[in-house]
N, C-alpha and C. Protein backbone atom coordinates (compact mmCIF):
# COMPACT_ATOMS: atom_id res chain seq x y z
N MET A 1 -92.69 -45.17 -66.01
CA MET A 1 -91.51 -44.30 -65.88
C MET A 1 -91.95 -42.93 -65.40
N SER A 2 -91.24 -42.39 -64.41
CA SER A 2 -91.61 -41.09 -63.85
C SER A 2 -91.21 -39.98 -64.78
N GLY A 3 -91.77 -38.76 -64.50
CA GLY A 3 -91.45 -37.60 -65.33
C GLY A 3 -89.99 -37.24 -65.25
N SER A 4 -89.39 -37.36 -64.04
CA SER A 4 -87.98 -37.01 -63.87
C SER A 4 -87.08 -37.97 -64.65
N GLU A 5 -87.48 -39.26 -64.67
CA GLU A 5 -86.69 -40.24 -65.40
C GLU A 5 -86.76 -39.97 -66.89
N THR A 6 -87.94 -39.55 -67.37
CA THR A 6 -88.10 -39.24 -68.78
C THR A 6 -87.24 -38.05 -69.17
N THR A 7 -87.24 -37.02 -68.32
CA THR A 7 -86.43 -35.83 -68.59
C THR A 7 -84.96 -36.17 -68.63
N SER A 8 -84.51 -37.00 -67.65
CA SER A 8 -83.11 -37.40 -67.60
C SER A 8 -82.71 -38.16 -68.85
N SER A 9 -83.61 -39.06 -69.30
CA SER A 9 -83.31 -39.84 -70.51
C SER A 9 -83.23 -38.95 -71.73
N THR A 10 -84.14 -37.96 -71.81
CA THR A 10 -84.14 -37.05 -72.95
C THR A 10 -82.86 -36.24 -73.00
N VAL A 11 -82.44 -35.72 -71.84
CA VAL A 11 -81.21 -34.94 -71.78
C VAL A 11 -80.02 -35.78 -72.20
N HIS A 12 -80.00 -37.04 -71.70
CA HIS A 12 -78.90 -37.94 -72.04
C HIS A 12 -78.83 -38.16 -73.55
N LYS A 13 -79.99 -38.37 -74.18
CA LYS A 13 -80.03 -38.58 -75.62
C LYS A 13 -79.59 -37.33 -76.37
N ASP A 14 -79.98 -36.17 -75.86
CA ASP A 14 -79.56 -34.93 -76.49
C ASP A 14 -78.04 -34.79 -76.44
N TYR A 15 -77.43 -35.12 -75.32
CA TYR A 15 -75.98 -35.06 -75.20
C TYR A 15 -75.31 -36.01 -76.18
N GLU A 16 -75.85 -37.22 -76.27
CA GLU A 16 -75.27 -38.21 -77.18
C GLU A 16 -75.40 -37.74 -78.63
N GLY A 17 -76.56 -37.15 -78.96
CA GLY A 17 -76.76 -36.66 -80.31
C GLY A 17 -75.83 -35.51 -80.64
N ALA A 18 -75.62 -34.62 -79.67
CA ALA A 18 -74.72 -33.48 -79.88
C ALA A 18 -73.29 -33.96 -80.08
N LYS A 19 -72.89 -34.96 -79.29
CA LYS A 19 -71.54 -35.49 -79.41
C LYS A 19 -71.36 -36.19 -80.76
N LEU A 20 -72.38 -36.95 -81.18
CA LEU A 20 -72.31 -37.61 -82.48
C LEU A 20 -72.23 -36.58 -83.60
N GLY A 21 -73.04 -35.52 -83.48
CA GLY A 21 -73.01 -34.46 -84.49
C GLY A 21 -71.64 -33.80 -84.58
N MET A 22 -70.99 -33.58 -83.43
CA MET A 22 -69.66 -32.98 -83.42
C MET A 22 -68.65 -33.90 -84.08
N TRP A 23 -68.72 -35.21 -83.79
CA TRP A 23 -67.78 -36.13 -84.41
C TRP A 23 -67.98 -36.21 -85.92
N LEU A 24 -69.22 -36.12 -86.37
CA LEU A 24 -69.48 -36.11 -87.81
C LEU A 24 -68.90 -34.85 -88.46
N PHE A 25 -69.06 -33.72 -87.76
CA PHE A 25 -68.49 -32.46 -88.26
C PHE A 25 -66.97 -32.55 -88.34
N LEU A 26 -66.35 -33.09 -87.29
CA LEU A 26 -64.90 -33.24 -87.28
C LEU A 26 -64.44 -34.16 -88.40
N PHE A 27 -65.26 -35.18 -88.71
CA PHE A 27 -64.92 -36.10 -89.79
C PHE A 27 -64.88 -35.37 -91.13
N THR A 28 -65.83 -34.46 -91.35
CA THR A 28 -65.82 -33.69 -92.61
C THR A 28 -64.59 -32.79 -92.69
N GLU A 29 -64.16 -32.27 -91.53
CA GLU A 29 -62.96 -31.44 -91.51
C GLU A 29 -61.72 -32.29 -91.84
N ILE A 30 -61.69 -33.50 -91.34
CA ILE A 30 -60.59 -34.41 -91.63
C ILE A 30 -60.55 -34.74 -93.12
N LEU A 31 -61.73 -34.93 -93.71
CA LEU A 31 -61.80 -35.20 -95.15
C LEU A 31 -61.28 -34.01 -95.94
N LEU A 32 -61.63 -32.81 -95.51
CA LEU A 32 -61.20 -31.60 -96.20
C LEU A 32 -59.68 -31.49 -96.21
N PHE A 33 -59.09 -31.55 -95.04
CA PHE A 33 -57.63 -31.42 -94.96
C PHE A 33 -56.94 -32.67 -95.50
N GLY A 34 -57.59 -33.83 -95.36
CA GLY A 34 -57.00 -35.04 -95.92
C GLY A 34 -56.83 -34.94 -97.43
N GLY A 35 -57.84 -34.35 -98.09
CA GLY A 35 -57.74 -34.14 -99.52
C GLY A 35 -56.60 -33.21 -99.88
N LEU A 36 -56.41 -32.17 -99.07
CA LEU A 36 -55.32 -31.22 -99.31
C LEU A 36 -53.97 -31.88 -99.08
N PHE A 37 -53.89 -32.75 -98.07
CA PHE A 37 -52.64 -33.46 -97.81
C PHE A 37 -52.29 -34.38 -98.98
N ILE A 38 -53.31 -35.03 -99.57
CA ILE A 38 -53.08 -35.90 -100.72
C ILE A 38 -52.60 -35.07 -101.91
N LEU A 39 -53.21 -33.90 -102.11
CA LEU A 39 -52.80 -33.01 -103.20
C LEU A 39 -51.35 -32.57 -103.00
N TYR A 40 -51.02 -32.22 -101.77
CA TYR A 40 -49.65 -31.82 -101.46
C TYR A 40 -48.68 -32.97 -101.78
N SER A 41 -49.04 -34.19 -101.38
CA SER A 41 -48.16 -35.34 -101.59
C SER A 41 -47.92 -35.59 -103.07
N ALA A 42 -48.97 -35.41 -103.87
CA ALA A 42 -48.84 -35.63 -105.31
C ALA A 42 -47.86 -34.63 -105.93
N TYR A 43 -48.01 -33.36 -105.56
CA TYR A 43 -47.10 -32.34 -106.10
C TYR A 43 -45.71 -32.48 -105.52
N ARG A 44 -45.62 -32.91 -104.26
CA ARG A 44 -44.32 -33.10 -103.63
C ARG A 44 -43.53 -34.19 -104.36
N ALA A 45 -44.23 -35.24 -104.78
CA ALA A 45 -43.58 -36.32 -105.53
C ALA A 45 -43.11 -35.84 -106.90
N LYS A 46 -43.84 -34.86 -107.47
CA LYS A 46 -43.50 -34.36 -108.80
C LYS A 46 -42.39 -33.32 -108.75
N TYR A 47 -42.37 -32.52 -107.68
CA TYR A 47 -41.37 -31.44 -107.57
C TYR A 47 -40.61 -31.54 -106.24
N PRO A 48 -39.91 -32.62 -105.99
CA PRO A 48 -39.23 -32.79 -104.69
C PRO A 48 -38.18 -31.72 -104.40
N LEU A 49 -37.37 -31.36 -105.41
CA LEU A 49 -36.32 -30.36 -105.19
C LEU A 49 -36.91 -28.98 -104.93
N GLU A 50 -37.94 -28.62 -105.70
CA GLU A 50 -38.56 -27.31 -105.54
C GLU A 50 -39.25 -27.18 -104.18
N PHE A 51 -39.88 -28.27 -103.73
CA PHE A 51 -40.54 -28.23 -102.42
C PHE A 51 -39.51 -28.13 -101.30
N HIS A 52 -38.38 -28.80 -101.48
CA HIS A 52 -37.31 -28.69 -100.49
C HIS A 52 -36.78 -27.27 -100.44
N GLU A 53 -36.57 -26.70 -101.61
CA GLU A 53 -36.07 -25.32 -101.68
C GLU A 53 -37.08 -24.34 -101.09
N GLY A 54 -38.36 -24.56 -101.38
CA GLY A 54 -39.38 -23.66 -100.84
C GLY A 54 -39.42 -23.69 -99.32
N GLY A 55 -39.25 -24.87 -98.74
CA GLY A 55 -39.27 -24.99 -97.30
C GLY A 55 -38.14 -24.24 -96.62
N GLN A 56 -37.03 -24.04 -97.34
CA GLN A 56 -35.89 -23.33 -96.76
C GLN A 56 -36.18 -21.85 -96.53
N HIS A 57 -37.20 -21.33 -97.20
CA HIS A 57 -37.54 -19.91 -97.06
C HIS A 57 -38.50 -19.64 -95.91
N LEU A 58 -39.02 -20.69 -95.30
CA LEU A 58 -39.97 -20.51 -94.20
C LEU A 58 -39.23 -20.41 -92.87
N ASN A 59 -39.85 -19.74 -91.92
CA ASN A 59 -39.24 -19.53 -90.61
C ASN A 59 -39.53 -20.73 -89.71
N VAL A 60 -38.57 -21.62 -89.59
CA VAL A 60 -38.75 -22.84 -88.81
C VAL A 60 -38.95 -22.52 -87.33
N VAL A 61 -38.27 -21.49 -86.84
CA VAL A 61 -38.39 -21.12 -85.42
C VAL A 61 -39.83 -20.74 -85.09
N ILE A 62 -40.44 -19.93 -85.96
CA ILE A 62 -41.84 -19.54 -85.72
C ILE A 62 -42.75 -20.76 -85.86
N GLY A 63 -42.45 -21.62 -86.83
CA GLY A 63 -43.27 -22.82 -87.01
C GLY A 63 -43.25 -23.72 -85.78
N ILE A 64 -42.07 -23.93 -85.22
CA ILE A 64 -41.95 -24.76 -84.01
C ILE A 64 -42.57 -24.06 -82.81
N ALA A 65 -42.35 -22.73 -82.71
CA ALA A 65 -42.93 -21.97 -81.60
C ALA A 65 -44.45 -22.06 -81.63
N ASN A 66 -45.03 -21.96 -82.82
CA ASN A 66 -46.48 -22.06 -82.93
C ASN A 66 -46.98 -23.46 -82.59
N THR A 67 -46.16 -24.46 -82.87
CA THR A 67 -46.54 -25.83 -82.49
C THR A 67 -46.59 -25.96 -80.97
N ILE A 68 -45.60 -25.42 -80.30
CA ILE A 68 -45.58 -25.45 -78.83
C ILE A 68 -46.77 -24.68 -78.26
N ILE A 69 -47.07 -23.54 -78.88
CA ILE A 69 -48.20 -22.72 -78.42
C ILE A 69 -49.51 -23.50 -78.53
N LEU A 70 -49.73 -24.15 -79.67
CA LEU A 70 -50.99 -24.88 -79.86
C LEU A 70 -51.07 -26.11 -78.97
N LEU A 71 -49.95 -26.81 -78.79
CA LEU A 71 -49.97 -27.97 -77.90
C LEU A 71 -50.29 -27.55 -76.47
N THR A 72 -49.73 -26.42 -76.06
CA THR A 72 -50.02 -25.91 -74.72
C THR A 72 -51.48 -25.50 -74.61
N SER A 73 -52.01 -24.91 -75.68
CA SER A 73 -53.41 -24.49 -75.66
C SER A 73 -54.35 -25.69 -75.59
N SER A 74 -53.95 -26.81 -76.19
CA SER A 74 -54.76 -28.03 -76.08
C SER A 74 -54.79 -28.51 -74.63
N LEU A 75 -53.65 -28.37 -73.97
CA LEU A 75 -53.55 -28.77 -72.57
C LEU A 75 -54.46 -27.92 -71.69
N THR A 76 -54.42 -26.60 -71.89
CA THR A 76 -55.26 -25.71 -71.08
C THR A 76 -56.74 -25.92 -71.39
N ALA A 77 -57.05 -26.25 -72.66
CA ALA A 77 -58.45 -26.53 -73.01
C ALA A 77 -58.93 -27.79 -72.27
N ALA A 78 -58.08 -28.80 -72.21
CA ALA A 78 -58.43 -30.03 -71.49
C ALA A 78 -58.58 -29.75 -69.99
N PHE A 79 -57.70 -28.91 -69.46
CA PHE A 79 -57.78 -28.55 -68.04
C PHE A 79 -59.10 -27.84 -67.72
N SER A 80 -59.57 -27.01 -68.67
CA SER A 80 -60.81 -26.27 -68.43
C SER A 80 -61.99 -27.22 -68.31
N ILE A 81 -61.98 -28.28 -69.12
CA ILE A 81 -63.06 -29.26 -69.06
C ILE A 81 -62.98 -30.05 -67.74
N THR A 82 -61.78 -30.45 -67.38
CA THR A 82 -61.60 -31.18 -66.12
C THR A 82 -62.04 -30.34 -64.93
N ALA A 83 -61.69 -29.05 -64.97
CA ALA A 83 -62.04 -28.15 -63.87
C ALA A 83 -63.55 -27.99 -63.72
N ILE A 84 -64.24 -27.83 -64.85
CA ILE A 84 -65.70 -27.64 -64.75
C ILE A 84 -66.38 -28.92 -64.29
N GLN A 85 -65.80 -30.07 -64.63
CA GLN A 85 -66.35 -31.34 -64.16
C GLN A 85 -66.24 -31.46 -62.64
N LYS A 86 -65.23 -30.80 -62.08
CA LYS A 86 -65.03 -30.81 -60.63
C LYS A 86 -65.78 -29.66 -59.95
N GLY A 87 -66.48 -28.86 -60.75
CA GLY A 87 -67.22 -27.73 -60.20
C GLY A 87 -66.36 -26.52 -59.93
N GLU A 88 -65.14 -26.48 -60.47
CA GLU A 88 -64.23 -25.36 -60.26
C GLU A 88 -64.39 -24.37 -61.41
N ARG A 89 -65.42 -23.55 -61.31
CA ARG A 89 -65.79 -22.65 -62.41
C ARG A 89 -64.70 -21.62 -62.70
N LYS A 90 -64.13 -21.03 -61.66
CA LYS A 90 -63.11 -20.00 -61.88
C LYS A 90 -61.86 -20.57 -62.53
N VAL A 91 -61.48 -21.77 -62.12
CA VAL A 91 -60.31 -22.42 -62.71
C VAL A 91 -60.58 -22.73 -64.18
N SER A 92 -61.79 -23.21 -64.47
CA SER A 92 -62.17 -23.51 -65.84
C SER A 92 -62.12 -22.25 -66.70
N ALA A 93 -62.64 -21.16 -66.18
CA ALA A 93 -62.63 -19.89 -66.90
C ALA A 93 -61.21 -19.41 -67.14
N LEU A 94 -60.34 -19.57 -66.14
CA LEU A 94 -58.95 -19.16 -66.27
C LEU A 94 -58.24 -19.97 -67.35
N CYS A 95 -58.49 -21.28 -67.38
CA CYS A 95 -57.87 -22.14 -68.39
C CYS A 95 -58.39 -21.81 -69.78
N LEU A 96 -59.67 -21.50 -69.89
CA LEU A 96 -60.23 -21.10 -71.18
C LEU A 96 -59.61 -19.79 -71.65
N THR A 97 -59.44 -18.86 -70.73
CA THR A 97 -58.81 -17.58 -71.08
C THR A 97 -57.39 -17.81 -71.60
N ALA A 98 -56.65 -18.70 -70.93
CA ALA A 98 -55.29 -19.01 -71.36
C ALA A 98 -55.30 -19.63 -72.75
N THR A 99 -56.27 -20.49 -73.03
CA THR A 99 -56.37 -21.12 -74.35
C THR A 99 -56.62 -20.07 -75.43
N ILE A 100 -57.50 -19.13 -75.14
CA ILE A 100 -57.82 -18.06 -76.09
C ILE A 100 -56.59 -17.19 -76.35
N VAL A 101 -55.88 -16.82 -75.28
CA VAL A 101 -54.68 -15.98 -75.41
C VAL A 101 -53.62 -16.70 -76.25
N LEU A 102 -53.46 -18.00 -76.01
CA LEU A 102 -52.49 -18.77 -76.79
C LEU A 102 -52.89 -18.84 -78.26
N GLY A 103 -54.19 -18.97 -78.51
CA GLY A 103 -54.67 -18.96 -79.89
C GLY A 103 -54.37 -17.64 -80.58
N LEU A 104 -54.54 -16.55 -79.85
CA LEU A 104 -54.23 -15.23 -80.40
C LEU A 104 -52.73 -15.07 -80.64
N ALA A 105 -51.93 -15.65 -79.75
CA ALA A 105 -50.47 -15.61 -79.92
C ALA A 105 -50.07 -16.35 -81.19
N PHE A 106 -50.73 -17.47 -81.45
CA PHE A 106 -50.48 -18.23 -82.68
C PHE A 106 -50.76 -17.35 -83.90
N LEU A 107 -51.89 -16.67 -83.90
CA LEU A 107 -52.26 -15.82 -85.03
C LEU A 107 -51.29 -14.65 -85.18
N ALA A 108 -50.83 -14.10 -84.06
CA ALA A 108 -49.88 -12.98 -84.12
C ALA A 108 -48.57 -13.44 -84.76
N ASN A 109 -48.10 -14.63 -84.37
CA ASN A 109 -46.88 -15.17 -84.97
C ASN A 109 -47.06 -15.42 -86.47
N LYS A 110 -48.22 -15.94 -86.81
CA LYS A 110 -48.49 -16.21 -88.22
C LYS A 110 -48.55 -14.90 -89.02
N TYR A 111 -49.10 -13.85 -88.42
CA TYR A 111 -49.14 -12.54 -89.09
C TYR A 111 -47.73 -12.02 -89.35
N VAL A 112 -46.87 -12.13 -88.34
CA VAL A 112 -45.49 -11.68 -88.50
C VAL A 112 -44.79 -12.47 -89.59
N GLU A 113 -45.01 -13.78 -89.59
CA GLU A 113 -44.37 -14.64 -90.57
C GLU A 113 -44.85 -14.32 -91.98
N TRP A 114 -46.15 -14.25 -92.16
CA TRP A 114 -46.68 -13.94 -93.49
C TRP A 114 -46.23 -12.56 -93.96
N SER A 115 -46.21 -11.59 -93.07
CA SER A 115 -45.79 -10.23 -93.45
C SER A 115 -44.37 -10.24 -93.97
N THR A 116 -43.50 -10.98 -93.31
CA THR A 116 -42.10 -11.07 -93.73
C THR A 116 -41.98 -11.73 -95.09
N GLU A 117 -42.71 -12.82 -95.28
CA GLU A 117 -42.64 -13.54 -96.55
C GLU A 117 -43.21 -12.70 -97.70
N ILE A 118 -44.30 -12.02 -97.43
CA ILE A 118 -44.90 -11.15 -98.46
C ILE A 118 -43.96 -10.00 -98.79
N HIS A 119 -43.28 -9.47 -97.76
CA HIS A 119 -42.31 -8.38 -97.98
C HIS A 119 -41.20 -8.81 -98.92
N HIS A 120 -40.83 -10.10 -98.86
CA HIS A 120 -39.78 -10.62 -99.73
C HIS A 120 -40.34 -11.15 -101.05
N GLY A 121 -41.60 -10.90 -101.31
CA GLY A 121 -42.20 -11.30 -102.57
C GLY A 121 -42.52 -12.78 -102.67
N LEU A 122 -42.54 -13.47 -101.54
CA LEU A 122 -42.84 -14.91 -101.55
C LEU A 122 -44.33 -15.14 -101.34
N TYR A 123 -45.10 -14.79 -102.34
CA TYR A 123 -46.53 -15.03 -102.30
C TYR A 123 -47.02 -15.27 -103.73
N PRO A 124 -48.14 -16.00 -103.90
CA PRO A 124 -48.60 -16.37 -105.24
C PRO A 124 -48.79 -15.18 -106.17
N ASN A 125 -48.30 -15.33 -107.40
CA ASN A 125 -48.45 -14.35 -108.48
C ASN A 125 -47.70 -13.04 -108.25
N SER A 126 -46.79 -13.01 -107.29
CA SER A 126 -45.95 -11.82 -107.13
C SER A 126 -44.92 -11.81 -108.25
N PRO A 127 -44.37 -10.64 -108.62
CA PRO A 127 -43.35 -10.59 -109.68
C PRO A 127 -42.17 -11.52 -109.40
N ALA A 128 -41.73 -11.54 -108.14
CA ALA A 128 -40.60 -12.41 -107.79
C ALA A 128 -40.98 -13.88 -107.90
N MET A 129 -42.20 -14.21 -107.48
CA MET A 129 -42.63 -15.61 -107.51
C MET A 129 -42.79 -16.10 -108.95
N LEU A 130 -43.26 -15.25 -109.84
CA LEU A 130 -43.48 -15.66 -111.23
C LEU A 130 -42.17 -15.97 -111.94
N GLN A 131 -41.06 -15.50 -111.39
CA GLN A 131 -39.76 -15.79 -111.98
C GLN A 131 -39.15 -17.08 -111.43
N ARG A 132 -39.78 -17.65 -110.42
CA ARG A 132 -39.27 -18.87 -109.81
C ARG A 132 -39.81 -20.09 -110.55
N PRO A 133 -39.19 -21.26 -110.36
CA PRO A 133 -39.66 -22.49 -111.02
C PRO A 133 -41.12 -22.79 -110.67
N HIS A 134 -41.78 -23.51 -111.56
CA HIS A 134 -43.20 -23.82 -111.37
C HIS A 134 -43.44 -24.58 -110.07
N GLY A 135 -42.53 -25.45 -109.71
CA GLY A 135 -42.68 -26.20 -108.47
C GLY A 135 -42.68 -25.31 -107.25
N ASP A 136 -41.86 -24.26 -107.25
CA ASP A 136 -41.83 -23.29 -106.15
C ASP A 136 -43.17 -22.57 -106.04
N GLN A 137 -43.72 -22.19 -107.19
CA GLN A 137 -45.00 -21.50 -107.19
C GLN A 137 -46.10 -22.37 -106.60
N ILE A 138 -46.08 -23.66 -106.94
CA ILE A 138 -47.08 -24.58 -106.39
C ILE A 138 -46.88 -24.74 -104.88
N PHE A 139 -45.62 -24.84 -104.46
CA PHE A 139 -45.34 -24.99 -103.03
C PHE A 139 -45.92 -23.84 -102.23
N PHE A 140 -45.64 -22.61 -102.66
CA PHE A 140 -46.13 -21.45 -101.90
C PHE A 140 -47.63 -21.27 -102.05
N GLY A 141 -48.17 -21.70 -103.20
CA GLY A 141 -49.62 -21.66 -103.34
C GLY A 141 -50.30 -22.58 -102.33
N LEU A 142 -49.76 -23.78 -102.18
CA LEU A 142 -50.29 -24.73 -101.19
C LEU A 142 -50.03 -24.23 -99.77
N TYR A 143 -48.87 -23.64 -99.57
CA TYR A 143 -48.52 -23.15 -98.23
C TYR A 143 -49.52 -22.10 -97.76
N TYR A 144 -49.79 -21.11 -98.59
CA TYR A 144 -50.73 -20.06 -98.19
C TYR A 144 -52.15 -20.59 -98.10
N SER A 145 -52.51 -21.49 -99.00
CA SER A 145 -53.87 -22.03 -98.98
C SER A 145 -54.13 -22.87 -97.73
N MET A 146 -53.21 -23.76 -97.42
CA MET A 146 -53.43 -24.70 -96.32
C MET A 146 -53.23 -24.05 -94.95
N THR A 147 -52.17 -23.24 -94.81
CA THR A 147 -51.98 -22.57 -93.52
C THR A 147 -53.02 -21.46 -93.34
N GLY A 148 -53.45 -20.85 -94.45
CA GLY A 148 -54.50 -19.84 -94.35
C GLY A 148 -55.83 -20.46 -93.93
N LEU A 149 -56.17 -21.61 -94.51
CA LEU A 149 -57.39 -22.32 -94.13
C LEU A 149 -57.32 -22.74 -92.66
N HIS A 150 -56.15 -23.20 -92.27
CA HIS A 150 -55.97 -23.56 -90.86
C HIS A 150 -56.14 -22.34 -89.96
N GLY A 151 -55.60 -21.20 -90.40
CA GLY A 151 -55.74 -19.97 -89.62
C GLY A 151 -57.20 -19.57 -89.43
N ILE A 152 -58.01 -19.77 -90.47
CA ILE A 152 -59.44 -19.49 -90.37
C ILE A 152 -60.08 -20.37 -89.32
N HIS A 153 -59.64 -21.62 -89.28
CA HIS A 153 -60.16 -22.55 -88.27
C HIS A 153 -59.74 -22.11 -86.86
N VAL A 154 -58.54 -21.58 -86.74
CA VAL A 154 -58.08 -21.08 -85.44
C VAL A 154 -58.95 -19.90 -85.00
N ILE A 155 -59.23 -19.00 -85.92
CA ILE A 155 -60.08 -17.83 -85.60
C ILE A 155 -61.46 -18.29 -85.16
N PHE A 156 -62.03 -19.23 -85.91
CA PHE A 156 -63.34 -19.76 -85.54
C PHE A 156 -63.29 -20.42 -84.17
N GLY A 157 -62.21 -21.16 -83.91
CA GLY A 157 -62.05 -21.81 -82.62
C GLY A 157 -61.98 -20.82 -81.48
N ILE A 158 -61.27 -19.72 -81.69
CA ILE A 158 -61.16 -18.68 -80.67
C ILE A 158 -62.53 -18.07 -80.38
N ILE A 159 -63.32 -17.85 -81.43
CA ILE A 159 -64.66 -17.30 -81.25
C ILE A 159 -65.53 -18.26 -80.43
N VAL A 160 -65.46 -19.55 -80.77
CA VAL A 160 -66.24 -20.56 -80.05
C VAL A 160 -65.80 -20.64 -78.59
N LEU A 161 -64.48 -20.65 -78.35
CA LEU A 161 -63.97 -20.72 -76.99
C LEU A 161 -64.35 -19.48 -76.19
N SER A 162 -64.38 -18.33 -76.85
CA SER A 162 -64.79 -17.10 -76.17
C SER A 162 -66.25 -17.19 -75.73
N LEU A 163 -67.07 -17.77 -76.60
CA LEU A 163 -68.48 -17.98 -76.25
C LEU A 163 -68.59 -18.95 -75.07
N MET A 164 -67.78 -19.99 -75.08
CA MET A 164 -67.78 -20.95 -73.97
C MET A 164 -67.37 -20.26 -72.66
N LEU A 165 -66.42 -19.35 -72.76
CA LEU A 165 -65.97 -18.62 -71.57
C LEU A 165 -67.11 -17.80 -70.98
N VAL A 166 -67.87 -17.15 -71.85
CA VAL A 166 -69.02 -16.37 -71.38
C VAL A 166 -70.04 -17.28 -70.70
N LEU A 167 -70.29 -18.44 -71.29
CA LEU A 167 -71.26 -19.38 -70.72
C LEU A 167 -70.78 -19.93 -69.38
N VAL A 168 -69.48 -20.15 -69.26
CA VAL A 168 -68.94 -20.63 -67.98
C VAL A 168 -69.10 -19.55 -66.91
N LEU A 169 -68.78 -18.32 -67.27
CA LEU A 169 -68.87 -17.22 -66.31
C LEU A 169 -70.32 -16.96 -65.89
N LYS A 170 -71.24 -17.18 -66.80
CA LYS A 170 -72.66 -16.99 -66.49
C LYS A 170 -73.29 -18.24 -65.88
N GLU A 171 -72.46 -19.26 -65.64
CA GLU A 171 -72.91 -20.53 -65.06
C GLU A 171 -73.94 -21.23 -65.93
N ARG A 172 -73.83 -21.02 -67.23
CA ARG A 172 -74.66 -21.76 -68.18
C ARG A 172 -74.01 -23.09 -68.51
N ILE A 173 -72.72 -23.21 -68.23
CA ILE A 173 -71.99 -24.46 -68.32
C ILE A 173 -71.59 -24.83 -66.91
N THR A 174 -71.99 -26.01 -66.47
CA THR A 174 -71.76 -26.43 -65.09
C THR A 174 -71.17 -27.84 -65.05
N LYS A 175 -70.92 -28.34 -63.86
CA LYS A 175 -70.35 -29.67 -63.69
C LYS A 175 -71.28 -30.78 -64.16
N THR A 176 -72.57 -30.47 -64.28
CA THR A 176 -73.54 -31.46 -64.76
C THR A 176 -74.00 -31.17 -66.19
N ASP A 177 -73.54 -30.06 -66.75
CA ASP A 177 -73.95 -29.67 -68.11
C ASP A 177 -72.78 -28.98 -68.80
N PHE A 178 -71.85 -29.79 -69.29
CA PHE A 178 -70.63 -29.24 -69.89
C PHE A 178 -70.41 -29.76 -71.31
N ASN A 179 -71.48 -30.27 -71.92
CA ASN A 179 -71.35 -30.87 -73.25
C ASN A 179 -70.84 -29.87 -74.28
N LYS A 180 -71.32 -28.63 -74.23
CA LYS A 180 -70.89 -27.61 -75.20
C LYS A 180 -69.39 -27.36 -75.08
N LEU A 181 -68.91 -27.26 -73.86
CA LEU A 181 -67.49 -27.02 -73.64
C LEU A 181 -66.66 -28.21 -74.12
N GLU A 182 -67.15 -29.40 -73.89
CA GLU A 182 -66.44 -30.59 -74.33
C GLU A 182 -66.34 -30.66 -75.85
N ASN A 183 -67.42 -30.31 -76.54
CA ASN A 183 -67.41 -30.31 -78.00
C ASN A 183 -66.48 -29.23 -78.55
N ALA A 184 -66.48 -28.07 -77.88
CA ALA A 184 -65.56 -27.00 -78.29
C ALA A 184 -64.12 -27.45 -78.12
N GLY A 185 -63.86 -28.19 -77.04
CA GLY A 185 -62.52 -28.71 -76.82
C GLY A 185 -62.10 -29.70 -77.89
N LEU A 186 -63.03 -30.54 -78.32
CA LEU A 186 -62.73 -31.50 -79.38
C LEU A 186 -62.34 -30.77 -80.68
N TYR A 187 -63.08 -29.71 -80.99
CA TYR A 187 -62.77 -28.93 -82.20
C TYR A 187 -61.37 -28.34 -82.09
N TRP A 188 -61.05 -27.79 -80.92
CA TRP A 188 -59.75 -27.15 -80.75
C TRP A 188 -58.62 -28.17 -80.85
N HIS A 189 -58.84 -29.37 -80.34
CA HIS A 189 -57.83 -30.41 -80.45
C HIS A 189 -57.59 -30.77 -81.91
N LEU A 190 -58.65 -30.80 -82.71
CA LEU A 190 -58.50 -31.11 -84.13
C LEU A 190 -57.66 -30.04 -84.82
N VAL A 191 -57.91 -28.77 -84.48
CA VAL A 191 -57.13 -27.67 -85.05
C VAL A 191 -55.64 -27.87 -84.74
N ASP A 192 -55.34 -28.29 -83.53
CA ASP A 192 -53.96 -28.52 -83.13
C ASP A 192 -53.34 -29.69 -83.90
N VAL A 193 -54.10 -30.77 -84.04
CA VAL A 193 -53.60 -31.95 -84.75
C VAL A 193 -53.29 -31.61 -86.21
N ILE A 194 -54.14 -30.83 -86.84
CA ILE A 194 -53.91 -30.44 -88.24
C ILE A 194 -52.59 -29.69 -88.36
N TRP A 195 -52.33 -28.80 -87.40
CA TRP A 195 -51.08 -28.03 -87.45
C TRP A 195 -49.86 -28.95 -87.30
N ILE A 196 -49.99 -29.97 -86.48
CA ILE A 196 -48.88 -30.91 -86.29
C ILE A 196 -48.52 -31.59 -87.61
N PHE A 197 -49.50 -31.78 -88.48
CA PHE A 197 -49.23 -32.33 -89.81
C PHE A 197 -48.65 -31.27 -90.74
N LEU A 198 -49.11 -30.03 -90.61
CA LEU A 198 -48.64 -28.97 -91.48
C LEU A 198 -47.17 -28.62 -91.22
N LEU A 199 -46.76 -28.72 -89.98
CA LEU A 199 -45.37 -28.37 -89.61
C LEU A 199 -44.34 -29.14 -90.44
N PRO A 200 -44.35 -30.46 -90.44
CA PRO A 200 -43.34 -31.18 -91.22
C PRO A 200 -43.52 -31.03 -92.73
N LEU A 201 -44.74 -30.88 -93.19
CA LEU A 201 -44.99 -30.78 -94.63
C LEU A 201 -44.33 -29.54 -95.22
N PHE A 202 -44.40 -28.43 -94.49
CA PHE A 202 -43.88 -27.17 -95.04
C PHE A 202 -42.57 -26.73 -94.38
N TYR A 203 -42.55 -26.64 -93.07
CA TYR A 203 -41.38 -26.08 -92.39
C TYR A 203 -40.21 -27.04 -92.32
N LEU A 204 -40.50 -28.33 -92.29
CA LEU A 204 -39.42 -29.31 -92.19
C LEU A 204 -39.25 -30.09 -93.48
N ALA A 205 -39.74 -29.52 -94.58
CA ALA A 205 -39.66 -30.20 -95.88
C ALA A 205 -38.19 -30.49 -96.21
N ALA A 206 -37.91 -31.76 -96.45
CA ALA A 206 -36.53 -32.15 -96.72
C ALA A 206 -36.44 -32.95 -98.02
């Protein structure tokens, strides 16, 4: 086997290992949120009326708007990978920038929403919340915990995508070496999928 063939094989194995490592990481994230979803389901079964009432206090318009934002950002993230595979570096960078901006828009909407809810005393251990039924307190505790954890993942995703943008602009990610960008895209898609589950659990609770 020639030296070039050995190098090619090594690179291929490295890519496969990196992809496997990313899928294992994503699996642990699924386990984390899966456990929270099970916890939510258990309390939802115990306090159905309180969870329904709690959902009425959330801003459904912002929830749906954020869903559209994240779905669009998944599309632009996929476009960025397709573009770099075709050697269209500027298009890939533009799509990555759009994905980052959409992620920031999601966080801005979430900030506005949380600020409004906190202003009305709808947050754990607030004087107003302590006067509400126990089921309501659990609902909002889960709401802030799960959407807050998701928000942290969005922030981390934006940081990773920003790093990918720098690498694309510096031509460290190319049409023959785009594994990092592909893995970053997989992470971002997972963040979007988690939100799709959070939307009906809290905003559309019936």
